[in-house]
PDB file of N, CA and C in Angstrom:
ATOM      1  N   MET A   1      92.503 306.002 117.047  1.00  0.00           N
ATOM      2  CA  MET A   1      93.299 304.793 117.161  1.00  0.00           C
ATOM      3  C   MET A   1      92.485 303.615 116.637  1.00  0.00           C
ATOM      4  N   LYS A   2      93.104 302.836 115.797  1.00  0.00           N
ATOM      5  CA  LYS A   2      92.475 301.648 115.254  1.00  0.00           C
ATOM      6  C   LYS A   2      92.727 300.473 116.187  1.00  0.00           C
ATOM      7  N   LYS A   3      91.934 299.427 116.010  1.00  0.00           N
ATOM      8  CA  LYS A   3      92.082 298.237 116.840  1.00  0.00           C
ATOM      9  C   LYS A   3      93.475 297.628 116.686  1.00  0.00           C
ATOM     10  N   SER A   4      94.002 297.622 115.480  1.00  0.00           N
ATOM     11  CA  SER A   4      95.336 297.064 115.242  1.00  0.00           C
ATOM     12  C   SER A   4      96.411 297.867 115.970  1.00  0.00           C
ATOM     13  N   GLU A   5      96.228 299.195 116.045  1.00  0.00           N
ATOM     14  CA  GLU A   5      97.184 300.036 116.777  1.00  0.00           C
ATOM     15  C   GLU A   5      97.110 299.757 118.274  1.00  0.00           C
ATOM     16  N   LEU A   6      95.902 299.517 118.782  1.00  0.00           N
ATOM     17  CA  LEU A   6      95.739 299.165 120.188  1.00  0.00           C
ATOM     18  C   LEU A   6      96.433 297.840 120.489  1.00  0.00           C
ATOM     19  N   ILE A   7      96.284 296.879 119.622  1.00  0.00           N
ATOM     20  CA  ILE A   7      96.939 295.574 119.792  1.00  0.00           C
ATOM     21  C   ILE A   7      98.451 295.744 119.805  1.00  0.00           C
ATOM     22  N   ASP A   8      98.978 296.551 118.896  1.00  0.00           N
ATOM     23  CA  ASP A   8     100.421 296.802 118.853  1.00  0.00           C
ATOM     24  C   ASP A   8     100.918 297.443 120.148  1.00  0.00           C
ATOM     25  N   LYS A   9     100.190 298.456 120.658  1.00  0.00           N
ATOM     26  CA  LYS A   9     100.583 299.145 121.890  1.00  0.00           C
ATOM     27  C   LYS A   9     100.612 298.189 123.074  1.00  0.00           C
ATOM     28  N   VAL A  10      99.567 297.372 123.195  1.00  0.00           N
ATOM     29  CA  VAL A  10      99.494 296.429 124.317  1.00  0.00           C
ATOM     30  C   VAL A  10     100.580 295.366 124.176  1.00  0.00           C
ATOM     31  N   SER A  11     100.835 294.915 122.951  1.00  0.00           N
ATOM     32  CA  SER A  11     101.880 293.907 122.715  1.00  0.00           C
ATOM     33  C   SER A  11     103.263 294.421 123.100  1.00  0.00           C
ATOM     34  N   GLU A  12     103.501 295.722 122.892  1.00  0.00           N
ATOM     35  CA  GLU A  12     104.786 296.309 123.270  1.00  0.00           C
ATOM     36  C   GLU A  12     104.955 296.305 124.792  1.00  0.00           C
ATOM     37  N   LYS A  13     103.873 296.577 125.511  1.00  0.00           N
ATOM     38  CA  LYS A  13     103.934 296.644 126.971  1.00  0.00           C
ATOM     39  C   LYS A  13     104.026 295.254 127.601  1.00  0.00           C
ATOM     40  N   ILE A  14     103.317 294.284 127.025  1.00  0.00           N
ATOM     41  CA  ILE A  14     103.302 292.922 127.570  1.00  0.00           C
ATOM     42  C   ILE A  14     104.057 292.033 126.593  1.00  0.00           C
ATOM     43  N   GLU A  15     105.333 291.904 126.794  1.00  0.00           N
ATOM     44  CA  GLU A  15     106.198 291.214 125.834  1.00  0.00           C
ATOM     45  C   GLU A  15     106.038 289.693 125.851  1.00  0.00           C
ATOM     46  N   TYR A  16     105.507 289.126 126.946  1.00  0.00           N
ATOM     47  CA  TYR A  16     105.410 287.673 127.037  1.00  0.00           C
ATOM     48  C   TYR A  16     104.154 287.104 126.373  1.00  0.00           C
ATOM     49  N   LEU A  17     103.302 287.979 125.794  1.00  0.00           N
ATOM     50  CA  LEU A  17     102.136 287.532 125.032  1.00  0.00           C
ATOM     51  C   LEU A  17     102.336 287.850 123.560  1.00  0.00           C
ATOM     52  N   THR A  18     101.875 286.953 122.712  1.00  0.00           N
ATOM     53  CA  THR A  18     101.957 287.207 121.275  1.00  0.00           C
ATOM     54  C   THR A  18     100.859 288.183 120.864  1.00  0.00           C
ATOM     55  N   LYS A  19     100.993 288.743 119.674  1.00  0.00           N
ATOM     56  CA  LYS A  19      99.980 289.667 119.172  1.00  0.00           C
ATOM     57  C   LYS A  19      98.628 288.965 119.033  1.00  0.00           C
ATOM     58  N   LYS A  20      98.652 287.708 118.650  1.00  0.00           N
ATOM     59  CA  LYS A  20      97.414 286.934 118.496  1.00  0.00           C
ATOM     60  C   LYS A  20      96.723 286.763 119.847  1.00  0.00           C
ATOM     61  N   GLN A  21      97.504 286.514 120.910  1.00  0.00           N
ATOM     62  CA  GLN A  21      96.927 286.374 122.244  1.00  0.00           C
ATOM     63  C   GLN A  21      96.347 287.706 122.730  1.00  0.00           C
ATOM     64  N   VAL A  22      97.064 288.785 122.475  1.00  0.00           N
ATOM     65  CA  VAL A  22      96.582 290.119 122.858  1.00  0.00           C
ATOM     66  C   VAL A  22      95.296 290.437 122.098  1.00  0.00           C
ATOM     67  N   GLU A  23      95.254 290.108 120.814  1.00  0.00           N
ATOM     68  CA  GLU A  23      94.053 290.353 120.012  1.00  0.00           C
ATOM     69  C   GLU A  23      92.870 289.581 120.573  1.00  0.00           C
ATOM     70  N   THR A  24      93.082 288.344 120.988  1.00  0.00           N
ATOM     71  CA  THR A  24      92.019 287.532 121.572  1.00  0.00           C
ATOM     72  C   THR A  24      91.502 288.157 122.863  1.00  0.00           C
ATOM     73  N   ILE A  25      92.412 288.654 123.705  1.00  0.00           N
ATOM     74  CA  ILE A  25      92.024 289.290 124.967  1.00  0.00           C
ATOM     75  C   ILE A  25      91.220 290.562 124.703  1.00  0.00           C
ATOM     76  N   ILE A  26      91.676 291.380 123.780  1.00  0.00           N
ATOM     77  CA  ILE A  26      90.969 292.630 123.461  1.00  0.00           C
ATOM     78  C   ILE A  26      89.597 292.319 122.874  1.00  0.00           C
ATOM     79  N   ASP A  27      89.497 291.308 122.010  1.00  0.00           N
ATOM     80  CA  ASP A  27      88.202 290.906 121.462  1.00  0.00           C
ATOM     81  C   ASP A  27      87.252 290.464 122.575  1.00  0.00           C
ATOM     82  N   MET A  28      87.779 289.722 123.553  1.00  0.00           N
ATOM     83  CA  MET A  28      86.957 289.262 124.676  1.00  0.00           C
ATOM     84  C   MET A  28      86.448 290.448 125.501  1.00  0.00           C
ATOM     85  N   ILE A  29      87.294 291.440 125.707  1.00  0.00           N
ATOM     86  CA  ILE A  29      86.891 292.635 126.461  1.00  0.00           C
ATOM     87  C   ILE A  29      85.790 293.379 125.710  1.00  0.00           C
ATOM     88  N   PHE A  30      85.991 293.611 124.413  1.00  0.00           N
ATOM     89  CA  PHE A  30      84.987 294.322 123.622  1.00  0.00           C
ATOM     90  C   PHE A  30      83.671 293.545 123.553  1.00  0.00           C
ATOM     91  N   ASP A  31      83.759 292.217 123.420  1.00  0.00           N
ATOM     92  CA  ASP A  31      82.542 291.403 123.385  1.00  0.00           C
ATOM     93  C   ASP A  31      81.779 291.491 124.699  1.00  0.00           C
ATOM     94  N   ALA A  32      82.497 291.472 125.824  1.00  0.00           N
ATOM     95  CA  ALA A  32      81.851 291.585 127.136  1.00  0.00           C
ATOM     96  C   ALA A  32      81.181 292.944 127.280  1.00  0.00           C
ATOM     97  N   MET A  33      81.853 293.994 126.827  1.00  0.00           N
ATOM     98  CA  MET A  33      81.270 295.335 126.897  1.00  0.00           C
ATOM     99  C   MET A  33      80.028 295.422 126.007  1.00  0.00           C
ATOM    100  N   LYS A  34      80.126 294.865 124.805  1.00  0.00           N
ATOM    101  CA  LYS A  34      79.011 294.884 123.868  1.00  0.00           C
ATOM    102  C   LYS A  34      77.797 294.147 124.444  1.00  0.00           C
ATOM    103  N   ASP A  35      78.041 292.988 125.066  1.00  0.00           N
ATOM    104  CA  ASP A  35      76.948 292.214 125.658  1.00  0.00           C
ATOM    105  C   ASP A  35      76.243 292.995 126.759  1.00  0.00           C
ATOM    106  N   LYS A  36      77.003 293.667 127.616  1.00  0.00           N
ATOM    107  CA  LYS A  36      76.413 294.459 128.698  1.00  0.00           C
ATOM    108  C   LYS A  36      75.587 295.612 128.141  1.00  0.00           C
ATOM    109  N   LEU A  37      76.093 296.293 127.119  1.00  0.00           N
ATOM    110  CA  LEU A  37      75.358 297.416 126.531  1.00  0.00           C
ATOM    111  C   LEU A  37      74.087 296.945 125.830  1.00  0.00           C
ATOM    112  N   ILE A  38      74.142 295.801 125.168  1.00  0.00           N
ATOM    113  CA  ILE A  38      72.952 295.253 124.502  1.00  0.00           C
ATOM    114  C   ILE A  38      71.874 294.945 125.535  1.00  0.00           C
ATOM    115  N   LYS A  39      72.284 294.489 126.726  1.00  0.00           N
ATOM    116  CA  LYS A  39      71.335 294.204 127.804  1.00  0.00           C
ATOM    117  C   LYS A  39      70.838 295.477 128.484  1.00  0.00           C
ATOM    118  N   GLY A  40      71.412 296.629 128.126  1.00  0.00           N
ATOM    119  CA  GLY A  40      71.000 297.898 128.695  1.00  0.00           C
ATOM    120  C   GLY A  40      71.711 298.249 129.986  1.00  0.00           C
ATOM    121  N   GLU A  41      72.772 297.535 130.306  1.00  0.00           N
ATOM    122  CA  GLU A  41      73.509 297.771 131.539  1.00  0.00           C
ATOM    123  C   GLU A  41      74.571 298.843 131.335  1.00  0.00           C
ATOM    124  N   LYS A  42      74.958 299.479 132.430  1.00  0.00           N
ATOM    125  CA  LYS A  42      75.958 300.552 132.415  1.00  0.00           C
ATOM    126  C   LYS A  42      77.353 299.953 132.590  1.00  0.00           C
ATOM    127  N   ILE A  43      78.329 300.534 131.924  1.00  0.00           N
ATOM    128  CA  ILE A  43      79.732 300.123 132.066  1.00  0.00           C
ATOM    129  C   ILE A  43      80.495 301.285 132.674  1.00  0.00           C
ATOM    130  N   GLU A  44      81.192 301.026 133.766  1.00  0.00           N
ATOM    131  CA  GLU A  44      81.977 302.062 134.436  1.00  0.00           C
ATOM    132  C   GLU A  44      83.438 301.654 134.451  1.00  0.00           C
ATOM    133  N   LEU A  45      84.276 302.449 133.809  1.00  0.00           N
ATOM    134  CA  LEU A  45      85.721 302.224 133.810  1.00  0.00           C
ATOM    135  C   LEU A  45      86.353 303.362 134.598  1.00  0.00           C
ATOM    136  N   ARG A  46      86.719 303.078 135.831  1.00  0.00           N
ATOM    137  CA  ARG A  46      87.247 304.111 136.727  1.00  0.00           C
ATOM    138  C   ARG A  46      88.452 304.794 136.100  1.00  0.00           C
ATOM    139  N   GLY A  47      88.485 306.105 136.173  1.00  0.00           N
ATOM    140  CA  GLY A  47      89.584 306.876 135.615  1.00  0.00           C
ATOM    141  C   GLY A  47      89.452 307.123 134.122  1.00  0.00           C
ATOM    142  N   PHE A  48      88.440 306.511 133.481  1.00  0.00           N
ATOM    143  CA  PHE A  48      88.227 306.706 132.044  1.00  0.00           C
ATOM    144  C   PHE A  48      86.853 307.305 131.773  1.00  0.00           C
ATOM    145  N   GLY A  49      85.789 306.585 132.177  1.00  0.00           N
ATOM    146  CA  GLY A  49      84.450 307.121 131.962  1.00  0.00           C
ATOM    147  C   GLY A  49      83.383 306.056 132.062  1.00  0.00           C
ATOM    148  N   ASN A  50      82.150 306.467 131.777  1.00  0.00           N
ATOM    149  CA  ASN A  50      80.985 305.593 131.835  1.00  0.00           C
ATOM    150  C   ASN A  50      80.325 305.501 130.469  1.00  0.00           C
ATOM    151  N   PHE A  51      79.858 304.305 130.142  1.00  0.00           N
ATOM    152  CA  PHE A  51      79.056 304.076 128.950  1.00  0.00           C
ATOM    153  C   PHE A  51      77.680 303.630 129.408  1.00  0.00           C
ATOM    154  N   LYS A  52      76.631 304.224 128.842  1.00  0.00           N
ATOM    155  CA  LYS A  52      75.294 303.738 129.145  1.00  0.00           C
ATOM    156  C   LYS A  52      74.419 303.877 127.916  1.00  0.00           C
ATOM    157  N   VAL A  53      73.360 303.084 127.883  1.00  0.00           N
ATOM    158  CA  VAL A  53      72.444 303.074 126.752  1.00  0.00           C
ATOM    159  C   VAL A  53      71.337 304.081 127.030  1.00  0.00           C
ATOM    160  N   LYS A  54      71.087 304.924 126.058  1.00  0.00           N
ATOM    161  CA  LYS A  54      70.050 305.941 126.157  1.00  0.00           C
ATOM    162  C   LYS A  54      69.031 305.666 125.055  1.00  0.00           C
ATOM    163  N   THR A  55      67.760 305.762 125.391  1.00  0.00           N
ATOM    164  CA  THR A  55      66.703 305.532 124.409  1.00  0.00           C
ATOM    165  C   THR A  55      66.200 306.873 123.891  1.00  0.00           C
ATOM    166  N   ARG A  56      66.220 307.014 122.595  1.00  0.00           N
ATOM    167  CA  ARG A  56      65.705 308.224 121.947  1.00  0.00           C
ATOM    168  C   ARG A  56      64.269 307.960 121.516  1.00  0.00           C
ATOM    169  N   ASP A  57      63.371 308.908 121.798  1.00  0.00           N
ATOM    170  CA  ASP A  57      61.973 308.774 121.403  1.00  0.00           C
ATOM    171  C   ASP A  57      61.835 308.937 119.900  1.00  0.00           C
ATOM    172  N   SER A  58      60.699 308.466 119.373  1.00  0.00           N
ATOM    173  CA  SER A  58      60.449 308.687 117.951  1.00  0.00           C
ATOM    174  C   SER A  58      60.193 310.175 117.743  1.00  0.00           C
ATOM    175  N   ARG A  59      60.474 310.646 116.534  1.00  0.00           N
ATOM    176  CA  ARG A  59      60.320 312.069 116.264  1.00  0.00           C
ATOM    177  C   ARG A  59      60.015 312.280 114.787  1.00  0.00           C
ATOM    178  N   GLN A  60      59.584 313.481 114.492  1.00  0.00           N
ATOM    179  CA  GLN A  60      59.331 313.873 113.114  1.00  0.00           C
ATOM    180  C   GLN A  60      60.582 314.571 112.584  1.00  0.00           C
ATOM    181  N   ALA A  61      60.989 314.203 111.382  1.00  0.00           N
ATOM    182  CA  ALA A  61      62.148 314.819 110.747  1.00  0.00           C
ATOM    183  C   ALA A  61      61.782 315.146 109.301  1.00  0.00           C
ATOM    184  N   ARG A  62      62.674 315.841 108.637  1.00  0.00           N
ATOM    185  CA  ARG A  62      62.425 316.248 107.254  1.00  0.00           C
ATOM    186  C   ARG A  62      63.516 315.689 106.361  1.00  0.00           C
ATOM    187  N   ASN A  63      63.112 315.094 105.268  1.00  0.00           N
ATOM    188  CA  ASN A  63      64.057 314.615 104.268  1.00  0.00           C
ATOM    189  C   ASN A  63      64.598 315.845 103.547  1.00  0.00           C
ATOM    190  N   PRO A  64      65.905 316.141 103.658  1.00  0.00           N
ATOM    191  CA  PRO A  64      66.441 317.363 103.060  1.00  0.00           C
ATOM    192  C   PRO A  64      66.367 317.385 101.530  1.00  0.00           C
ATOM    193  N   LYS A  65      66.339 316.218 100.924  1.00  0.00           N
ATOM    194  CA  LYS A  65      66.316 316.168  99.465  1.00  0.00           C
ATOM    195  C   LYS A  65      64.922 316.476  98.912  1.00  0.00           C
ATOM    196  N   THR A  66      63.898 315.867  99.528  1.00  0.00           N
ATOM    197  CA  THR A  66      62.539 316.041  99.007  1.00  0.00           C
ATOM    198  C   THR A  66      61.696 317.009  99.815  1.00  0.00           C
ATOM    199  N   GLY A  67      62.101 317.285 101.052  1.00  0.00           N
ATOM    200  CA  GLY A  67      61.315 318.160 101.916  1.00  0.00           C
ATOM    201  C   GLY A  67      60.176 317.435 102.599  1.00  0.00           C
ATOM    202  N   GLU A  68      60.047 316.153 102.324  1.00  0.00           N
ATOM    203  CA  GLU A  68      58.959 315.351 102.885  1.00  0.00           C
ATOM    204  C   GLU A  68      59.197 315.092 104.384  1.00  0.00           C
ATOM    205  N   THR A  69      58.124 315.108 105.171  1.00  0.00           N
ATOM    206  CA  THR A  69      58.221 314.808 106.594  1.00  0.00           C
ATOM    207  C   THR A  69      58.195 313.295 106.778  1.00  0.00           C
ATOM    208  N   VAL A  70      59.141 312.803 107.573  1.00  0.00           N
ATOM    209  CA  VAL A  70      59.229 311.368 107.844  1.00  0.00           C
ATOM    210  C   VAL A  70      59.263 311.151 109.358  1.00  0.00           C
ATOM    211  N   THR A  71      58.815 309.980 109.785  1.00  0.00           N
ATOM    212  CA  THR A  71      58.850 309.623 111.192  1.00  0.00           C
ATOM    213  C   THR A  71      60.092 308.796 111.450  1.00  0.00           C
ATOM    214  N   VAL A  72      60.913 309.247 112.374  1.00  0.00           N
ATOM    215  CA  VAL A  72      62.111 308.503 112.776  1.00  0.00           C
ATOM    216  C   VAL A  72      61.707 307.625 113.959  1.00  0.00           C
ATOM    217  N   PRO A  73      61.878 306.311 113.846  1.00  0.00           N
ATOM    218  CA  PRO A  73      61.447 305.417 114.932  1.00  0.00           C
ATOM    219  C   PRO A  73      62.327 305.570 116.175  1.00  0.00           C
ATOM    220  N   PRO A  74      61.820 305.142 117.333  1.00  0.00           N
ATOM    221  CA  PRO A  74      62.660 305.208 118.538  1.00  0.00           C
ATOM    222  C   PRO A  74      63.886 304.309 118.366  1.00  0.00           C
ATOM    223  N   GLN A  75      64.987 304.724 118.947  1.00  0.00           N
ATOM    224  CA  GLN A  75      66.197 303.921 118.827  1.00  0.00           C
ATOM    225  C   GLN A  75      67.062 304.094 120.061  1.00  0.00           C
ATOM    226  N   ARG A  76      67.965 303.135 120.255  1.00  0.00           N
ATOM    227  CA  ARG A  76      68.877 303.188 121.384  1.00  0.00           C
ATOM    228  C   ARG A  76      70.238 303.645 120.894  1.00  0.00           C
ATOM    229  N   ALA A  77      70.918 304.436 121.735  1.00  0.00           N
ATOM    230  CA  ALA A  77      72.244 304.946 121.397  1.00  0.00           C
ATOM    231  C   ALA A  77      73.123 304.873 122.635  1.00  0.00           C
ATOM    232  N   ILE A  78      74.423 304.815 122.434  1.00  0.00           N
ATOM    233  CA  ILE A  78      75.363 304.762 123.540  1.00  0.00           C
ATOM    234  C   ILE A  78      75.762 306.188 123.913  1.00  0.00           C
ATOM    235  N   GLN A  79      75.717 306.465 125.214  1.00  0.00           N
ATOM    236  CA  GLN A  79      76.136 307.756 125.732  1.00  0.00           C
ATOM    237  C   GLN A  79      77.416 307.530 126.534  1.00  0.00           C
ATOM    238  N   PHE A  80      78.429 308.367 126.300  1.00  0.00           N
ATOM    239  CA  PHE A  80      79.694 308.265 127.023  1.00  0.00           C
ATOM    240  C   PHE A  80      79.887 309.523 127.845  1.00  0.00           C
ATOM    241  N   LYS A  81      80.222 309.347 129.112  1.00  0.00           N
ATOM    242  CA  LYS A  81      80.552 310.473 129.979  1.00  0.00           C
ATOM    243  C   LYS A  81      81.939 310.228 130.537  1.00  0.00           C
ATOM    244  N   MET A  82      82.872 311.133 130.236  1.00  0.00           N
ATOM    245  CA  MET A  82      84.251 310.939 130.687  1.00  0.00           C
ATOM    246  C   MET A  82      84.384 311.197 132.183  1.00  0.00           C
ATOM    247  N   SER A  83      85.381 310.540 132.778  1.00  0.00           N
ATOM    248  CA  SER A  83      85.637 310.724 134.204  1.00  0.00           C
ATOM    249  C   SER A  83      86.296 312.071 134.457  1.00  0.00           C
ATOM    250  N   LYS A  84      86.274 312.494 135.708  1.00  0.00           N
ATOM    251  CA  LYS A  84      86.898 313.752 136.074  1.00  0.00           C
ATOM    252  C   LYS A  84      88.400 313.687 135.813  1.00  0.00           C
ATOM    253  N   ALA A  85      89.021 312.532 136.085  1.00  0.00           N
ATOM    254  CA  ALA A  85      90.459 312.386 135.860  1.00  0.00           C
ATOM    255  C   ALA A  85      90.802 312.566 134.380  1.00  0.00           C
ATOM    256  N   LEU A  86      90.025 311.975 133.499  1.00  0.00           N
ATOM    257  CA  LEU A  86      90.272 312.108 132.059  1.00  0.00           C
ATOM    258  C   LEU A  86      90.020 313.538 131.606  1.00  0.00           C
ATOM    259  N   LYS A  87      88.954 314.141 132.121  1.00  0.00           N
ATOM    260  CA  LYS A  87      88.641 315.520 131.762  1.00  0.00           C
ATOM    261  C   LYS A  87      89.756 316.469 132.185  1.00  0.00           C
ATOM    262  N   ASP A  88      90.273 316.265 133.401  1.00  0.00           N
ATOM    263  CA  ASP A  88      91.381 317.098 133.881  1.00  0.00           C
ATOM    264  C   ASP A  88      92.626 316.897 133.029  1.00  0.00           C
ATOM    265  N   ALA A  89      92.913 315.637 132.642  1.00  0.00           N
ATOM    266  CA  ALA A  89      94.088 315.349 131.817  1.00  0.00           C
ATOM    267  C   ALA A  89      93.978 316.002 130.441  1.00  0.00           C
ATOM    268  N   LEU A  90      92.768 315.996 129.874  1.00  0.00           N
ATOM    269  CA  LEU A  90      92.571 316.611 128.553  1.00  0.00           C
ATOM    270  C   LEU A  90      92.695 318.125 128.600  1.00  0.00           C
ATOM    271  N   ASN A  91      92.312 318.730 129.711  1.00  0.00           N
ATOM    272  CA  ASN A  91      92.279 320.184 129.815  1.00  0.00           C
ATOM    273  C   ASN A  91      93.480 320.774 130.511  1.00  0.00           C
ATOM    274  N   LYS A  92      94.545 320.011 130.658  1.00  0.00           N
ATOM    275  CA  LYS A  92      95.770 320.519 131.283  1.00  0.00           C
ATOM    276  C   LYS A  92      96.485 321.454 130.343  1.00  0.00           C
TER     277      LYS A  92
END
């Protein structure tokens, strides 16, 4: 689902808001989530799942084109764990 499709779906459900207002609200939600993740905080959406930042250690990897060994620096990545309710709904 694209962001524009999400805006359309929400606009259909909430008829008293314009698409521009819905887009602003969705942008605010995503910005708040992004800010929390950048700070390293966990986001819990009951009935949907949890987002948390995981730090990957540096490691040695191989360039497939040249075969040369390269060092991959440590980096942060987002980990998502779905809720039991979502997992049950998907596996029905």
